[in-house]
mmCIF file of all heavy atoms, coordinates in Angstrom:
data_MODEL
# 
_entry.id   MODEL 
# 
loop_
_atom_site.group_PDB 
_atom_site.id 
_atom_site.type_symbol 
_atom_site.label_atom_id 
_atom_site.label_alt_id 
_atom_site.label_comp_id 
_atom_site.label_asym_id 
_atom_site.label_entity_id 
_atom_site.label_seq_id 
_atom_site.pdbx_PDB_ins_code 
_atom_site.Cartn_x 
_atom_site.Cartn_y 
_atom_site.Cartn_z 
_atom_site.occupancy 
_atom_site.B_iso_or_equiv 
_atom_site.pdbx_formal_charge 
_atom_site.auth_seq_id 
_atom_site.auth_comp_id 
_atom_site.auth_asym_id 
_atom_site.auth_atom_id 
_atom_site.pdbx_PDB_model_num 
ATOM 1   N N   . VAL A 1 1  ? -54.551 -28.035 -17.798 1.00 0.00 ? 1  VAL A N   1 
ATOM 2   C CA  . VAL A 1 1  ? -55.923 -28.051 -17.548 1.00 0.00 ? 1  VAL A CA  1 
ATOM 3   C C   . VAL A 1 1  ? -56.650 -27.215 -18.558 1.00 0.00 ? 1  VAL A C   1 
ATOM 4   O O   . VAL A 1 1  ? -57.593 -27.487 -19.203 1.00 0.00 ? 1  VAL A O   1 
ATOM 5   C CB  . VAL A 1 1  ? -56.273 -27.527 -16.076 1.00 0.00 ? 1  VAL A CB  1 
ATOM 6   C CG1 . VAL A 1 1  ? -57.640 -27.179 -15.978 1.00 0.00 ? 1  VAL A CG1 1 
ATOM 7   C CG2 . VAL A 1 1  ? -55.857 -28.616 -15.136 1.00 0.00 ? 1  VAL A CG2 1 
ATOM 8   N N   . ILE A 1 2  ? -56.024 -26.039 -18.856 1.00 0.00 ? 2  ILE A N   1 
ATOM 9   C CA  . ILE A 1 2  ? -56.739 -25.092 -19.856 1.00 0.00 ? 2  ILE A CA  1 
ATOM 10  C C   . ILE A 1 2  ? -56.736 -25.755 -21.320 1.00 0.00 ? 2  ILE A C   1 
ATOM 11  O O   . ILE A 1 2  ? -57.691 -25.735 -21.957 1.00 0.00 ? 2  ILE A O   1 
ATOM 12  C CB  . ILE A 1 2  ? -55.996 -23.728 -19.935 1.00 0.00 ? 2  ILE A CB  1 
ATOM 13  C CG1 . ILE A 1 2  ? -56.265 -22.979 -18.574 1.00 0.00 ? 2  ILE A CG1 1 
ATOM 14  C CG2 . ILE A 1 2  ? -56.520 -22.870 -21.146 1.00 0.00 ? 2  ILE A CG2 1 
ATOM 15  C CD1 . ILE A 1 2  ? -55.349 -21.794 -18.354 1.00 0.00 ? 2  ILE A CD1 1 
ATOM 16  N N   . SER A 1 3  ? -55.495 -26.326 -21.588 1.00 0.00 ? 3  SER A N   1 
ATOM 17  C CA  . SER A 1 3  ? -55.385 -27.101 -22.946 1.00 0.00 ? 3  SER A CA  1 
ATOM 18  C C   . SER A 1 3  ? -56.396 -28.095 -23.140 1.00 0.00 ? 3  SER A C   1 
ATOM 19  O O   . SER A 1 3  ? -57.146 -28.198 -24.111 1.00 0.00 ? 3  SER A O   1 
ATOM 20  C CB  . SER A 1 3  ? -54.106 -27.686 -23.045 1.00 0.00 ? 3  SER A CB  1 
ATOM 21  O OG  . SER A 1 3  ? -53.101 -26.560 -23.209 1.00 0.00 ? 3  SER A OG  1 
ATOM 22  N N   . ASN A 1 4  ? -56.583 -28.919 -22.111 1.00 0.00 ? 4  ASN A N   1 
ATOM 23  C CA  . ASN A 1 4  ? -57.484 -30.122 -22.108 1.00 0.00 ? 4  ASN A CA  1 
ATOM 24  C C   . ASN A 1 4  ? -58.942 -29.603 -22.188 1.00 0.00 ? 4  ASN A C   1 
ATOM 25  O O   . ASN A 1 4  ? -59.693 -30.180 -22.938 1.00 0.00 ? 4  ASN A O   1 
ATOM 26  C CB  . ASN A 1 4  ? -57.227 -31.039 -21.045 1.00 0.00 ? 4  ASN A CB  1 
ATOM 27  C CG  . ASN A 1 4  ? -55.920 -31.832 -21.063 1.00 0.00 ? 4  ASN A CG  1 
ATOM 28  O OD1 . ASN A 1 4  ? -55.313 -31.868 -22.157 1.00 0.00 ? 4  ASN A OD1 1 
ATOM 29  N ND2 . ASN A 1 4  ? -55.441 -32.248 -19.989 1.00 0.00 ? 4  ASN A ND2 1 
ATOM 30  N N   . ALA A 1 5  ? -59.265 -28.657 -21.398 1.00 0.00 ? 5  ALA A N   1 
ATOM 31  C CA  . ALA A 1 5  ? -60.608 -28.213 -21.251 1.00 0.00 ? 5  ALA A CA  1 
ATOM 32  C C   . ALA A 1 5  ? -61.141 -27.460 -22.499 1.00 0.00 ? 5  ALA A C   1 
ATOM 33  O O   . ALA A 1 5  ? -62.278 -27.418 -22.910 1.00 0.00 ? 5  ALA A O   1 
ATOM 34  C CB  . ALA A 1 5  ? -61.010 -27.410 -20.024 1.00 0.00 ? 5  ALA A CB  1 
ATOM 35  N N   . ALA A 1 6  ? -60.179 -26.752 -23.149 1.00 0.00 ? 6  ALA A N   1 
ATOM 36  C CA  . ALA A 1 6  ? -60.475 -25.827 -24.282 1.00 0.00 ? 6  ALA A CA  1 
ATOM 37  C C   . ALA A 1 6  ? -60.405 -26.482 -25.694 1.00 0.00 ? 6  ALA A C   1 
ATOM 38  O O   . ALA A 1 6  ? -60.933 -26.027 -26.600 1.00 0.00 ? 6  ALA A O   1 
ATOM 39  C CB  . ALA A 1 6  ? -59.684 -24.590 -24.248 1.00 0.00 ? 6  ALA A CB  1 
ATOM 40  N N   . ARG A 1 7  ? -59.741 -27.662 -25.641 1.00 0.00 ? 7  ARG A N   1 
ATOM 41  C CA  . ARG A 1 7  ? -59.444 -28.334 -27.000 1.00 0.00 ? 7  ARG A CA  1 
ATOM 42  C C   . ARG A 1 7  ? -60.761 -28.945 -27.616 1.00 0.00 ? 7  ARG A C   1 
ATOM 43  O O   . ARG A 1 7  ? -61.485 -29.697 -26.943 1.00 0.00 ? 7  ARG A O   1 
ATOM 44  C CB  . ARG A 1 7  ? -58.475 -29.420 -26.708 1.00 0.00 ? 7  ARG A CB  1 
ATOM 45  C CG  . ARG A 1 7  ? -58.079 -30.149 -28.087 1.00 0.00 ? 7  ARG A CG  1 
ATOM 46  C CD  . ARG A 1 7  ? -56.969 -31.177 -27.755 1.00 0.00 ? 7  ARG A CD  1 
ATOM 47  N NE  . ARG A 1 7  ? -55.703 -30.494 -27.317 1.00 0.00 ? 7  ARG A NE  1 
ATOM 48  C CZ  . ARG A 1 7  ? -55.078 -30.776 -26.238 1.00 0.00 ? 7  ARG A CZ  1 
ATOM 49  N NH1 . ARG A 1 7  ? -55.431 -31.624 -25.422 1.00 0.00 ? 7  ARG A NH1 1 
ATOM 50  N NH2 . ARG A 1 7  ? -53.931 -30.041 -25.944 1.00 0.00 ? 7  ARG A NH2 1 
ATOM 51  N N   . THR A 1 8  ? -60.971 -28.666 -28.870 1.00 0.00 ? 8  THR A N   1 
ATOM 52  C CA  . THR A 1 8  ? -61.945 -29.342 -29.631 1.00 0.00 ? 8  THR A CA  1 
ATOM 53  C C   . THR A 1 8  ? -61.294 -30.133 -30.763 1.00 0.00 ? 8  THR A C   1 
ATOM 54  O O   . THR A 1 8  ? -61.949 -31.021 -31.342 1.00 0.00 ? 8  THR A O   1 
ATOM 55  C CB  . THR A 1 8  ? -62.909 -28.305 -30.295 1.00 0.00 ? 8  THR A CB  1 
ATOM 56  O OG1 . THR A 1 8  ? -62.249 -27.552 -31.226 1.00 0.00 ? 8  THR A OG1 1 
ATOM 57  C CG2 . THR A 1 8  ? -63.579 -27.396 -29.332 1.00 0.00 ? 8  THR A CG2 1 
ATOM 58  N N   . GLY A 1 9  ? -60.045 -29.831 -31.000 1.00 0.00 ? 9  GLY A N   1 
ATOM 59  C CA  . GLY A 1 9  ? -59.384 -30.578 -32.124 1.00 0.00 ? 9  GLY A CA  1 
ATOM 60  C C   . GLY A 1 9  ? -59.544 -29.905 -33.457 1.00 0.00 ? 9  GLY A C   1 
ATOM 61  O O   . GLY A 1 9  ? -59.085 -30.362 -34.446 1.00 0.00 ? 9  GLY A O   1 
ATOM 62  N N   . LYS A 1 10 ? -60.197 -28.804 -33.485 1.00 0.00 ? 10 LYS A N   1 
ATOM 63  C CA  . LYS A 1 10 ? -60.423 -28.039 -34.665 1.00 0.00 ? 10 LYS A CA  1 
ATOM 64  C C   . LYS A 1 10 ? -59.614 -26.834 -34.735 1.00 0.00 ? 10 LYS A C   1 
ATOM 65  O O   . LYS A 1 10 ? -59.322 -26.293 -33.669 1.00 0.00 ? 10 LYS A O   1 
ATOM 66  C CB  . LYS A 1 10 ? -61.947 -27.744 -34.897 1.00 0.00 ? 10 LYS A CB  1 
ATOM 67  C CG  . LYS A 1 10 ? -62.809 -28.999 -34.997 1.00 0.00 ? 10 LYS A CG  1 
ATOM 68  C CD  . LYS A 1 10 ? -64.200 -28.734 -35.335 1.00 0.00 ? 10 LYS A CD  1 
ATOM 69  C CE  . LYS A 1 10 ? -65.009 -30.009 -35.626 1.00 0.00 ? 10 LYS A CE  1 
ATOM 70  N NZ  . LYS A 1 10 ? -65.420 -30.677 -34.575 1.00 0.00 ? 10 LYS A NZ  1 
ATOM 71  N N   . ILE A 1 11 ? -59.441 -26.259 -35.895 1.00 0.00 ? 11 ILE A N   1 
ATOM 72  C CA  . ILE A 1 11 ? -58.743 -25.005 -36.034 1.00 0.00 ? 11 ILE A CA  1 
ATOM 73  C C   . ILE A 1 11 ? -59.389 -23.844 -35.296 1.00 0.00 ? 11 ILE A C   1 
ATOM 74  O O   . ILE A 1 11 ? -60.667 -23.828 -35.200 1.00 0.00 ? 11 ILE A O   1 
ATOM 75  C CB  . ILE A 1 11 ? -58.564 -24.708 -37.507 1.00 0.00 ? 11 ILE A CB  1 
ATOM 76  C CG1 . ILE A 1 11 ? -57.550 -23.556 -37.678 1.00 0.00 ? 11 ILE A CG1 1 
ATOM 77  C CG2 . ILE A 1 11 ? -59.886 -24.201 -38.086 1.00 0.00 ? 11 ILE A CG2 1 
ATOM 78  C CD1 . ILE A 1 11 ? -57.094 -23.348 -39.081 1.00 0.00 ? 11 ILE A CD1 1 
ATOM 79  N N   . GLY A 1 12 ? -58.805 -23.045 -34.610 1.00 0.00 ? 12 GLY A N   1 
ATOM 80  C CA  . GLY A 1 12 ? -59.272 -21.903 -33.916 1.00 0.00 ? 12 GLY A CA  1 
ATOM 81  C C   . GLY A 1 12 ? -59.496 -22.237 -32.416 1.00 0.00 ? 12 GLY A C   1 
ATOM 82  O O   . GLY A 1 12 ? -60.211 -21.381 -31.716 1.00 0.00 ? 12 GLY A O   1 
ATOM 83  N N   . ASP A 1 13 ? -58.907 -23.339 -31.923 1.00 0.00 ? 13 ASP A N   1 
ATOM 84  C CA  . ASP A 1 13 ? -59.101 -23.630 -30.406 1.00 0.00 ? 13 ASP A CA  1 
ATOM 85  C C   . ASP A 1 13 ? -58.393 -22.526 -29.478 1.00 0.00 ? 13 ASP A C   1 
ATOM 86  O O   . ASP A 1 13 ? -58.885 -22.393 -28.443 1.00 0.00 ? 13 ASP A O   1 
ATOM 87  C CB  . ASP A 1 13 ? -58.470 -24.978 -30.083 1.00 0.00 ? 13 ASP A CB  1 
ATOM 88  C CG  . ASP A 1 13 ? -59.410 -26.110 -30.430 1.00 0.00 ? 13 ASP A CG  1 
ATOM 89  O OD1 . ASP A 1 13 ? -60.587 -25.864 -30.673 1.00 0.00 ? 13 ASP A OD1 1 
ATOM 90  O OD2 . ASP A 1 13 ? -58.992 -27.328 -30.327 1.00 0.00 ? 13 ASP A OD2 1 
ATOM 91  N N   . GLY A 1 14 ? -57.425 -21.886 -30.037 1.00 0.00 ? 14 GLY A N   1 
ATOM 92  C CA  . GLY A 1 14 ? -56.881 -20.725 -29.292 1.00 0.00 ? 14 GLY A CA  1 
ATOM 93  C C   . GLY A 1 14 ? -55.420 -20.899 -29.027 1.00 0.00 ? 14 GLY A C   1 
ATOM 94  O O   . GLY A 1 14 ? -54.701 -21.661 -29.459 1.00 0.00 ? 14 GLY A O   1 
ATOM 95  N N   . LYS A 1 15 ? -54.999 -19.985 -28.020 1.00 0.00 ? 15 LYS A N   1 
ATOM 96  C CA  . LYS A 1 15 ? -53.484 -19.978 -27.652 1.00 0.00 ? 15 LYS A CA  1 
ATOM 97  C C   . LYS A 1 15 ? -53.452 -19.872 -26.161 1.00 0.00 ? 15 LYS A C   1 
ATOM 98  O O   . LYS A 1 15 ? -54.446 -19.300 -25.517 1.00 0.00 ? 15 LYS A O   1 
ATOM 99  C CB  . LYS A 1 15 ? -52.771 -18.761 -28.286 1.00 0.00 ? 15 LYS A CB  1 
ATOM 100 C CG  . LYS A 1 15 ? -52.834 -18.887 -29.769 1.00 0.00 ? 15 LYS A CG  1 
ATOM 101 C CD  . LYS A 1 15 ? -51.490 -19.432 -30.251 1.00 0.00 ? 15 LYS A CD  1 
ATOM 102 C CE  . LYS A 1 15 ? -51.249 -19.165 -31.693 1.00 0.00 ? 15 LYS A CE  1 
ATOM 103 N NZ  . LYS A 1 15 ? -52.004 -19.929 -32.662 1.00 0.00 ? 15 LYS A NZ  1 
ATOM 104 N N   . ILE A 1 16 ? -52.303 -20.128 -25.635 1.00 0.00 ? 16 ILE A N   1 
ATOM 105 C CA  . ILE A 1 16 ? -52.014 -19.805 -24.221 1.00 0.00 ? 16 ILE A CA  1 
ATOM 106 C C   . ILE A 1 16 ? -50.630 -19.167 -24.109 1.00 0.00 ? 16 ILE A C   1 
ATOM 107 O O   . ILE A 1 16 ? -49.654 -19.577 -24.736 1.00 0.00 ? 16 ILE A O   1 
ATOM 108 C CB  . ILE A 1 16 ? -51.937 -21.103 -23.326 1.00 0.00 ? 16 ILE A CB  1 
ATOM 109 C CG1 . ILE A 1 16 ? -53.277 -21.956 -23.362 1.00 0.00 ? 16 ILE A CG1 1 
ATOM 110 C CG2 . ILE A 1 16 ? -51.521 -20.892 -21.847 1.00 0.00 ? 16 ILE A CG2 1 
ATOM 111 C CD1 . ILE A 1 16 ? -53.226 -23.252 -22.721 1.00 0.00 ? 16 ILE A CD1 1 
ATOM 112 N N   . PHE A 1 17 ? -50.607 -18.068 -23.366 1.00 0.00 ? 17 PHE A N   1 
ATOM 113 C CA  . PHE A 1 17 ? -49.420 -17.242 -23.173 1.00 0.00 ? 17 PHE A CA  1 
ATOM 114 C C   . PHE A 1 17 ? -49.133 -17.195 -21.688 1.00 0.00 ? 17 PHE A C   1 
ATOM 115 O O   . PHE A 1 17 ? -49.990 -16.954 -20.848 1.00 0.00 ? 17 PHE A O   1 
ATOM 116 C CB  . PHE A 1 17 ? -49.627 -15.869 -23.690 1.00 0.00 ? 17 PHE A CB  1 
ATOM 117 C CG  . PHE A 1 17 ? -50.082 -15.681 -25.110 1.00 0.00 ? 17 PHE A CG  1 
ATOM 118 C CD1 . PHE A 1 17 ? -51.386 -15.567 -25.396 1.00 0.00 ? 17 PHE A CD1 1 
ATOM 119 C CD2 . PHE A 1 17 ? -49.193 -15.774 -26.115 1.00 0.00 ? 17 PHE A CD2 1 
ATOM 120 C CE1 . PHE A 1 17 ? -51.960 -15.433 -26.618 1.00 0.00 ? 17 PHE A CE1 1 
ATOM 121 C CE2 . PHE A 1 17 ? -49.688 -15.698 -27.444 1.00 0.00 ? 17 PHE A CE2 1 
ATOM 122 C CZ  . PHE A 1 17 ? -51.000 -15.536 -27.683 1.00 0.00 ? 17 PHE A CZ  1 
ATOM 123 N N   . VAL A 1 18 ? -47.760 -17.405 -21.395 1.00 0.00 ? 18 VAL A N   1 
ATOM 124 C CA  . VAL A 1 18 ? -47.320 -17.383 -19.991 1.00 0.00 ? 18 VAL A CA  1 
ATOM 125 C C   . VAL A 1 18 ? -46.275 -16.271 -19.911 1.00 0.00 ? 18 VAL A C   1 
ATOM 126 O O   . VAL A 1 18 ? -45.331 -16.297 -20.613 1.00 0.00 ? 18 VAL A O   1 
ATOM 127 C CB  . VAL A 1 18 ? -46.771 -18.745 -19.534 1.00 0.00 ? 18 VAL A CB  1 
ATOM 128 C CG1 . VAL A 1 18 ? -46.283 -18.632 -18.107 1.00 0.00 ? 18 VAL A CG1 1 
ATOM 129 C CG2 . VAL A 1 18 ? -47.817 -19.838 -19.743 1.00 0.00 ? 18 VAL A CG2 1 
ATOM 130 N N   . MET A 1 19 ? -46.527 -15.440 -18.815 1.00 0.00 ? 19 MET A N   1 
ATOM 131 C CA  . MET A 1 19 ? -45.493 -14.269 -18.702 1.00 0.00 ? 19 MET A CA  1 
ATOM 132 C C   . MET A 1 19 ? -45.277 -14.006 -17.247 1.00 0.00 ? 19 MET A C   1 
ATOM 133 O O   . MET A 1 19 ? -46.077 -14.258 -16.324 1.00 0.00 ? 19 MET A O   1 
ATOM 134 C CB  . MET A 1 19 ? -45.957 -12.988 -19.424 1.00 0.00 ? 19 MET A CB  1 
ATOM 135 C CG  . MET A 1 19 ? -47.393 -12.563 -19.075 1.00 0.00 ? 19 MET A CG  1 
ATOM 136 S SD  . MET A 1 19 ? -48.235 -11.655 -20.318 1.00 0.00 ? 19 MET A SD  1 
ATOM 137 C CE  . MET A 1 19 ? -48.921 -13.060 -21.242 1.00 0.00 ? 19 MET A CE  1 
ATOM 138 N N   . PRO A 1 20 ? -44.030 -13.506 -16.920 1.00 0.00 ? 20 PRO A N   1 
ATOM 139 C CA  . PRO A 1 20 ? -43.755 -13.133 -15.549 1.00 0.00 ? 20 PRO A CA  1 
ATOM 140 C C   . PRO A 1 20 ? -44.597 -12.005 -15.010 1.00 0.00 ? 20 PRO A C   1 
ATOM 141 O O   . PRO A 1 20 ? -45.012 -11.133 -15.665 1.00 0.00 ? 20 PRO A O   1 
ATOM 142 C CB  . PRO A 1 20 ? -42.319 -12.830 -15.532 1.00 0.00 ? 20 PRO A CB  1 
ATOM 143 C CG  . PRO A 1 20 ? -41.998 -12.501 -16.966 1.00 0.00 ? 20 PRO A CG  1 
ATOM 144 C CD  . PRO A 1 20 ? -43.004 -13.159 -17.822 1.00 0.00 ? 20 PRO A CD  1 
ATOM 145 N N   . VAL A 1 21 ? -44.817 -12.028 -13.586 1.00 0.00 ? 21 VAL A N   1 
ATOM 146 C CA  . VAL A 1 21 ? -45.578 -10.953 -13.026 1.00 0.00 ? 21 VAL A CA  1 
ATOM 147 C C   . VAL A 1 21 ? -44.574 -10.492 -11.859 1.00 0.00 ? 21 VAL A C   1 
ATOM 148 O O   . VAL A 1 21 ? -44.082 -11.287 -11.034 1.00 0.00 ? 21 VAL A O   1 
ATOM 149 C CB  . VAL A 1 21 ? -46.930 -11.458 -12.329 1.00 0.00 ? 21 VAL A CB  1 
ATOM 150 C CG1 . VAL A 1 21 ? -47.501 -10.359 -11.458 1.00 0.00 ? 21 VAL A CG1 1 
ATOM 151 C CG2 . VAL A 1 21 ? -47.860 -11.819 -13.327 1.00 0.00 ? 21 VAL A CG2 1 
ATOM 152 N N   . GLU A 1 22 ? -44.197 -9.179  -11.957 1.00 0.00 ? 22 GLU A N   1 
ATOM 153 C CA  . GLU A 1 22 ? -43.301 -8.603  -11.017 1.00 0.00 ? 22 GLU A CA  1 
ATOM 154 C C   . GLU A 1 22 ? -43.831 -8.342  -9.612  1.00 0.00 ? 22 GLU A C   1 
ATOM 155 O O   . GLU A 1 22 ? -43.129 -8.496  -8.592  1.00 0.00 ? 22 GLU A O   1 
ATOM 156 C CB  . GLU A 1 22 ? -42.603 -7.343  -11.533 1.00 0.00 ? 22 GLU A CB  1 
ATOM 157 C CG  . GLU A 1 22 ? -41.751 -7.561  -12.799 1.00 0.00 ? 22 GLU A CG  1 
ATOM 158 C CD  . GLU A 1 22 ? -41.128 -6.299  -13.204 1.00 0.00 ? 22 GLU A CD  1 
ATOM 159 O OE1 . GLU A 1 22 ? -40.948 -5.356  -12.470 1.00 0.00 ? 22 GLU A OE1 1 
ATOM 160 O OE2 . GLU A 1 22 ? -40.783 -6.168  -14.436 1.00 0.00 ? 22 GLU A OE2 1 
ATOM 161 N N   . ARG A 1 23 ? -45.085 -7.922  -9.619  1.00 0.00 ? 23 ARG A N   1 
ATOM 162 C CA  . ARG A 1 23 ? -45.594 -7.503  -8.334  1.00 0.00 ? 23 ARG A CA  1 
ATOM 163 C C   . ARG A 1 23 ? -47.113 -7.537  -8.394  1.00 0.00 ? 23 ARG A C   1 
ATOM 164 O O   . ARG A 1 23 ? -47.777 -7.211  -9.387  1.00 0.00 ? 23 ARG A O   1 
ATOM 165 C CB  . ARG A 1 23 ? -45.214 -6.038  -8.117  1.00 0.00 ? 23 ARG A CB  1 
ATOM 166 C CG  . ARG A 1 23 ? -45.520 -5.471  -6.720  1.00 0.00 ? 23 ARG A CG  1 
ATOM 167 C CD  . ARG A 1 23 ? -44.686 -4.106  -6.658  1.00 0.00 ? 23 ARG A CD  1 
ATOM 168 N NE  . ARG A 1 23 ? -45.137 -3.497  -5.323  1.00 0.00 ? 23 ARG A NE  1 
ATOM 169 C CZ  . ARG A 1 23 ? -44.925 -2.239  -5.059  1.00 0.00 ? 23 ARG A CZ  1 
ATOM 170 N NH1 . ARG A 1 23 ? -44.390 -1.399  -6.024  1.00 0.00 ? 23 ARG A NH1 1 
ATOM 171 N NH2 . ARG A 1 23 ? -45.233 -1.687  -3.837  1.00 0.00 ? 23 ARG A NH2 1 
ATOM 172 N N   . VAL A 1 24 ? -47.716 -8.032  -7.239  1.00 0.00 ? 24 VAL A N   1 
ATOM 173 C CA  . VAL A 1 24 ? -49.176 -8.003  -7.128  1.00 0.00 ? 24 VAL A CA  1 
ATOM 174 C C   . VAL A 1 24 ? -49.550 -7.461  -5.841  1.00 0.00 ? 24 VAL A C   1 
ATOM 175 O O   . VAL A 1 24 ? -48.863 -7.719  -4.779  1.00 0.00 ? 24 VAL A O   1 
ATOM 176 C CB  . VAL A 1 24 ? -49.739 -9.548  -7.136  1.00 0.00 ? 24 VAL A CB  1 
ATOM 177 C CG1 . VAL A 1 24 ? -51.210 -9.602  -6.898  1.00 0.00 ? 24 VAL A CG1 1 
ATOM 178 C CG2 . VAL A 1 24 ? -49.295 -10.257 -8.424  1.00 0.00 ? 24 VAL A CG2 1 
ATOM 179 N N   . ILE A 1 25 ? -50.523 -6.540  -5.902  1.00 0.00 ? 25 ILE A N   1 
ATOM 180 C CA  . ILE A 1 25 ? -50.993 -5.804  -4.593  1.00 0.00 ? 25 ILE A CA  1 
ATOM 181 C C   . ILE A 1 25 ? -52.535 -5.942  -4.645  1.00 0.00 ? 25 ILE A C   1 
ATOM 182 O O   . ILE A 1 25 ? -53.198 -5.613  -5.559  1.00 0.00 ? 25 ILE A O   1 
ATOM 183 C CB  . ILE A 1 25 ? -50.634 -4.398  -4.700  1.00 0.00 ? 25 ILE A CB  1 
ATOM 184 C CG1 . ILE A 1 25 ? -49.098 -4.145  -4.813  1.00 0.00 ? 25 ILE A CG1 1 
ATOM 185 C CG2 . ILE A 1 25 ? -51.222 -3.649  -3.408  1.00 0.00 ? 25 ILE A CG2 1 
ATOM 186 C CD1 . ILE A 1 25 ? -48.643 -3.300  -5.874  1.00 0.00 ? 25 ILE A CD1 1 
ATOM 187 N N   . ARG A 1 26 ? -53.053 -6.335  -3.466  1.00 0.00 ? 26 ARG A N   1 
ATOM 188 C CA  . ARG A 1 26 ? -54.511 -6.439  -3.270  1.00 0.00 ? 26 ARG A CA  1 
ATOM 189 C C   . ARG A 1 26 ? -54.816 -5.043  -2.752  1.00 0.00 ? 26 ARG A C   1 
ATOM 190 O O   . ARG A 1 26 ? -54.395 -4.504  -1.735  1.00 0.00 ? 26 ARG A O   1 
ATOM 191 C CB  . ARG A 1 26 ? -54.906 -7.508  -2.292  1.00 0.00 ? 26 ARG A CB  1 
ATOM 192 C CG  . ARG A 1 26 ? -56.415 -7.427  -1.888  1.00 0.00 ? 26 ARG A CG  1 
ATOM 193 C CD  . ARG A 1 26 ? -56.886 -8.592  -1.061  1.00 0.00 ? 26 ARG A CD  1 
ATOM 194 N NE  . ARG A 1 26 ? -56.816 -9.757  -1.821  1.00 0.00 ? 26 ARG A NE  1 
ATOM 195 C CZ  . ARG A 1 26 ? -56.344 -11.011 -1.424  1.00 0.00 ? 26 ARG A CZ  1 
ATOM 196 N NH1 . ARG A 1 26 ? -55.891 -11.111 -0.207  1.00 0.00 ? 26 ARG A NH1 1 
ATOM 197 N NH2 . ARG A 1 26 ? -56.394 -12.043 -2.223  1.00 0.00 ? 26 ARG A NH2 1 
ATOM 198 N N   . ILE A 1 27 ? -55.661 -4.334  -3.490  1.00 0.00 ? 27 ILE A N   1 
ATOM 199 C CA  . ILE A 1 27 ? -56.053 -3.005  -3.172  1.00 0.00 ? 27 ILE A CA  1 
ATOM 200 C C   . ILE A 1 27 ? -56.747 -2.863  -1.819  1.00 0.00 ? 27 ILE A C   1 
ATOM 201 O O   . ILE A 1 27 ? -56.432 -1.924  -1.030  1.00 0.00 ? 27 ILE A O   1 
ATOM 202 C CB  . ILE A 1 27 ? -56.904 -2.328  -4.284  1.00 0.00 ? 27 ILE A CB  1 
ATOM 203 C CG1 . ILE A 1 27 ? -56.125 -2.279  -5.610  1.00 0.00 ? 27 ILE A CG1 1 
ATOM 204 C CG2 . ILE A 1 27 ? -57.523 -1.079  -3.906  1.00 0.00 ? 27 ILE A CG2 1 
ATOM 205 C CD1 . ILE A 1 27 ? -56.898 -1.905  -6.737  1.00 0.00 ? 27 ILE A CD1 1 
ATOM 206 N N   . ARG A 1 28 ? -57.704 -3.757  -1.457  1.00 0.00 ? 28 ARG A N   1 
ATOM 207 C CA  . ARG A 1 28 ? -58.496 -3.561  -0.281  1.00 0.00 ? 28 ARG A CA  1 
ATOM 208 C C   . ARG A 1 28 ? -57.510 -3.715  0.999   1.00 0.00 ? 28 ARG A C   1 
ATOM 209 O O   . ARG A 1 28 ? -57.836 -2.806  1.949   1.00 0.00 ? 28 ARG A O   1 
ATOM 210 C CB  . ARG A 1 28 ? -59.492 -4.698  -0.180  1.00 0.00 ? 28 ARG A CB  1 
ATOM 211 C CG  . ARG A 1 28 ? -60.335 -4.712  1.063   1.00 0.00 ? 28 ARG A CG  1 
ATOM 212 C CD  . ARG A 1 28 ? -61.389 -5.710  1.084   1.00 0.00 ? 28 ARG A CD  1 
ATOM 213 N NE  . ARG A 1 28 ? -60.948 -7.089  0.854   1.00 0.00 ? 28 ARG A NE  1 
ATOM 214 C CZ  . ARG A 1 28 ? -60.386 -7.945  1.795   1.00 0.00 ? 28 ARG A CZ  1 
ATOM 215 N NH1 . ARG A 1 28 ? -60.439 -7.539  3.032   1.00 0.00 ? 28 ARG A NH1 1 
ATOM 216 N NH2 . ARG A 1 28 ? -59.910 -9.123  1.550   1.00 0.00 ? 28 ARG A NH2 1 
# 
């Protein structure tokens, strides 16, 4: 979805990085 929505077909469209998340805590 990000690739399709952000693509213009021109140089500089960007990058996507995927990384693991070990732990998530909701502070509230």
